[in-house]
Amino acid sequence: MAVLTAEMAEPGFYQRSAEQTAAVLAQLENLQAELDKLLERWAELDE
């Protein structure tokens, strides 16, 4: 996630094609969803 976030922070990131930008944003969204799922499961196990 840190790599994708750093890539998005690059000055020219949003000057790329919409397809390239969307692919990176989709990757980040998928990783965030997976992290949320894992954190939720961890909280369940911690109870």
Protein backbone atom coordinates (compact mmCIF):
# COMPACT_ATOMS: atom_id res chain seq x y z
CA MET A 1 0.00 0.00 0.00
CA ALA A 2 2.84 2.35 0.80
CA VAL A 3 4.33 1.83 -2.66
CA LEU A 4 1.03 2.64 -4.36
CA THR A 5 0.46 5.67 -2.14
CA ALA A 6 3.96 6.94 -2.95
CA GLU A 7 3.30 6.37 -6.64
CA MET A 8 0.09 8.40 -6.39
CA ALA A 9 2.02 11.22 -4.69
CA GLU A 10 4.36 11.58 -7.66
CA PRO A 11 3.82 14.88 -9.51
CA GLY A 12 2.94 13.27 -12.84
CA PHE A 13 0.68 10.52 -11.56
CA TYR A 14 -2.59 12.15 -12.60
CA GLN A 15 -1.15 13.11 -15.98
CA ARG A 16 -1.06 9.44 -16.93
CA SER A 17 -3.81 7.88 -18.97
CA ALA A 18 -7.11 7.33 -17.21
CA GLU A 19 -6.62 3.57 -17.62
CA GLN A 20 -3.23 3.59 -15.86
CA THR A 21 -4.50 5.81 -13.06
CA ALA A 22 -7.62 3.69 -12.59
CA ALA A 23 -5.54 0.51 -12.39
CA VAL A 24 -3.42 1.88 -9.54
CA LEU A 25 -6.47 3.23 -7.72
CA ALA A 26 -8.23 -0.14 -8.10
CA GLN A 27 -5.19 -1.95 -6.69
CA LEU A 28 -5.12 0.36 -3.70
CA GLU A 29 -8.86 -0.05 -3.16
CA ASN A 30 -8.54 -3.85 -3.28
CA LEU A 31 -5.66 -3.85 -0.83
CA GLN A 32 -7.56 -1.56 1.54
CA ALA A 33 -10.61 -3.84 1.39
CA GLU A 34 -8.46 -6.87 2.16
CA LEU A 35 -6.77 -5.06 5.05
CA ASP A 36 -10.15 -4.02 6.46
CA LYS A 37 -11.36 -7.62 6.21
CA LEU A 38 -8.26 -8.94 7.98
CA LEU A 39 -8.46 -6.32 10.74
CA GLU A 40 -12.12 -7.18 11.30
CA ARG A 41 -11.24 -10.87 11.58
CA TRP A 42 -8.40 -10.05 13.98
CA ALA A 43 -10.82 -8.08 16.17
CA GLU A 44 -13.21 -11.06 16.20
CA LEU A 45 -10.44 -13.41 17.25
CA ASP A 46 -9.23 -10.99 19.91
CA GLU A 47 -12.61 -11.01 21.67
